[in-house]
């Protein structure tokens, strides 16, 4: 489980690179998580523009015109 400073550092690191950018492609590396990743997610996000990046607790929130992508870093602490 990531700690808040790690999540904030990640947000500050990626936000300048993705803000106001258009999603070209999405790669789902591990679709079998606690909640299944919708198979259509890459197609749903392709072509959308990132309008805002923020953090709520240990989640990253990436806002698009059509909604918000909720991201949890999912660090396990194991090797």
Protein backbone atom coordinates (compact mmCIF):
# COMPACT_ATOMS: atom_id res chain seq x y z
CA UNK A 1 0.00 0.00 0.00
CA UNK A 2 1.56 3.32 -0.97
CA UNK A 3 1.98 6.05 1.60
CA UNK A 4 0.55 9.53 1.00
CA UNK A 5 3.95 11.13 0.26
CA UNK A 6 4.57 8.52 -2.47
CA UNK A 7 1.20 9.20 -4.06
CA UNK A 8 1.74 12.98 -3.90
CA UNK A 9 5.22 12.62 -5.41
CA UNK A 10 3.81 10.48 -8.22
CA UNK A 11 1.07 13.05 -8.88
CA UNK A 12 3.54 15.94 -9.01
CA UNK A 13 5.79 13.91 -11.27
CA UNK A 14 3.23 12.88 -13.88
CA UNK A 15 0.81 15.84 -13.87
CA UNK A 16 3.01 18.24 -15.88
CA UNK A 17 3.46 15.57 -18.54
CA UNK A 18 -0.17 14.52 -18.99
CA UNK A 19 -2.16 17.68 -18.25
CA UNK A 20 -3.91 18.98 -21.41
CA UNK A 21 -2.55 16.02 -23.38
CA UNK A 22 -4.62 13.65 -25.51
CA UNK A 23 -4.59 9.94 -24.68
CA UNK A 24 -3.08 8.09 -27.65
CA UNK A 25 -3.02 4.59 -26.21
CA UNK A 26 -3.60 2.72 -22.95
CA UNK A 27 -1.78 -0.44 -21.89
CA UNK A 28 -3.37 -2.55 -19.15
CA UNK A 29 -0.55 -4.67 -17.76
CA UNK A 30 -2.52 -6.52 -15.08
CA UNK A 31 -6.25 -6.78 -15.85
CA UNK A 32 -6.97 -9.17 -12.94
CA UNK A 33 -6.85 -6.87 -9.95
CA UNK A 34 -9.18 -6.52 -6.97
CA UNK A 35 -11.71 -5.01 -9.38
CA UNK A 36 -11.54 -6.15 -12.97
CA UNK A 37 -10.40 -3.54 -15.47
CA UNK A 38 -13.12 -3.09 -18.13
CA UNK A 39 -11.86 -4.60 -21.41
CA UNK A 40 -13.06 -1.51 -23.31
CA UNK A 41 -11.06 0.92 -21.13
CA UNK A 42 -8.28 1.54 -23.71
CA UNK A 43 -10.84 2.36 -26.41
CA UNK A 44 -12.88 4.48 -23.98
CA UNK A 45 -9.89 6.65 -23.01
CA UNK A 46 -8.28 6.91 -26.47
CA UNK A 47 -8.66 10.44 -27.85
CA UNK A 48 -9.71 12.05 -24.56
CA UNK A 49 -7.92 15.12 -23.19
CA UNK A 50 -6.70 15.22 -19.57
CA UNK A 51 -8.23 18.30 -17.91
CA UNK A 52 -7.11 17.85 -14.32
CA UNK A 53 -4.85 15.69 -12.17
CA UNK A 54 -5.32 15.59 -8.43
CA UNK A 55 -5.08 13.34 -5.41
CA UNK A 56 -7.79 12.23 -3.00
CA UNK A 57 -6.30 10.26 -0.12
CA UNK A 58 -4.20 7.50 -1.75
CA UNK A 59 -5.92 7.73 -5.14
CA UNK A 60 -4.94 9.70 -8.22
CA UNK A 61 -7.89 11.30 -10.00
CA UNK A 62 -7.48 12.08 -13.68
CA UNK A 63 -10.40 14.10 -15.06
CA UNK A 64 -11.62 13.95 -18.64
CA UNK A 65 -14.71 15.49 -20.29
CA UNK A 66 -16.58 12.22 -19.84
CA UNK A 67 -15.60 11.45 -16.24
CA UNK A 68 -12.77 10.72 -13.85
CA UNK A 69 -10.23 7.90 -13.98
CA UNK A 70 -9.50 6.62 -10.47
CA UNK A 71 -5.96 5.22 -10.10
CA UNK A 72 -4.47 3.41 -7.11
CA UNK A 73 -0.76 2.66 -7.25
CA UNK A 74 -1.32 -0.77 -5.68
CA UNK A 75 2.16 -1.17 -4.24
CA UNK A 76 2.49 -4.42 -2.35
CA UNK A 77 5.76 -3.76 -0.55
CA UNK A 78 7.13 -7.11 -1.71
CA UNK A 79 9.75 -7.84 -4.34
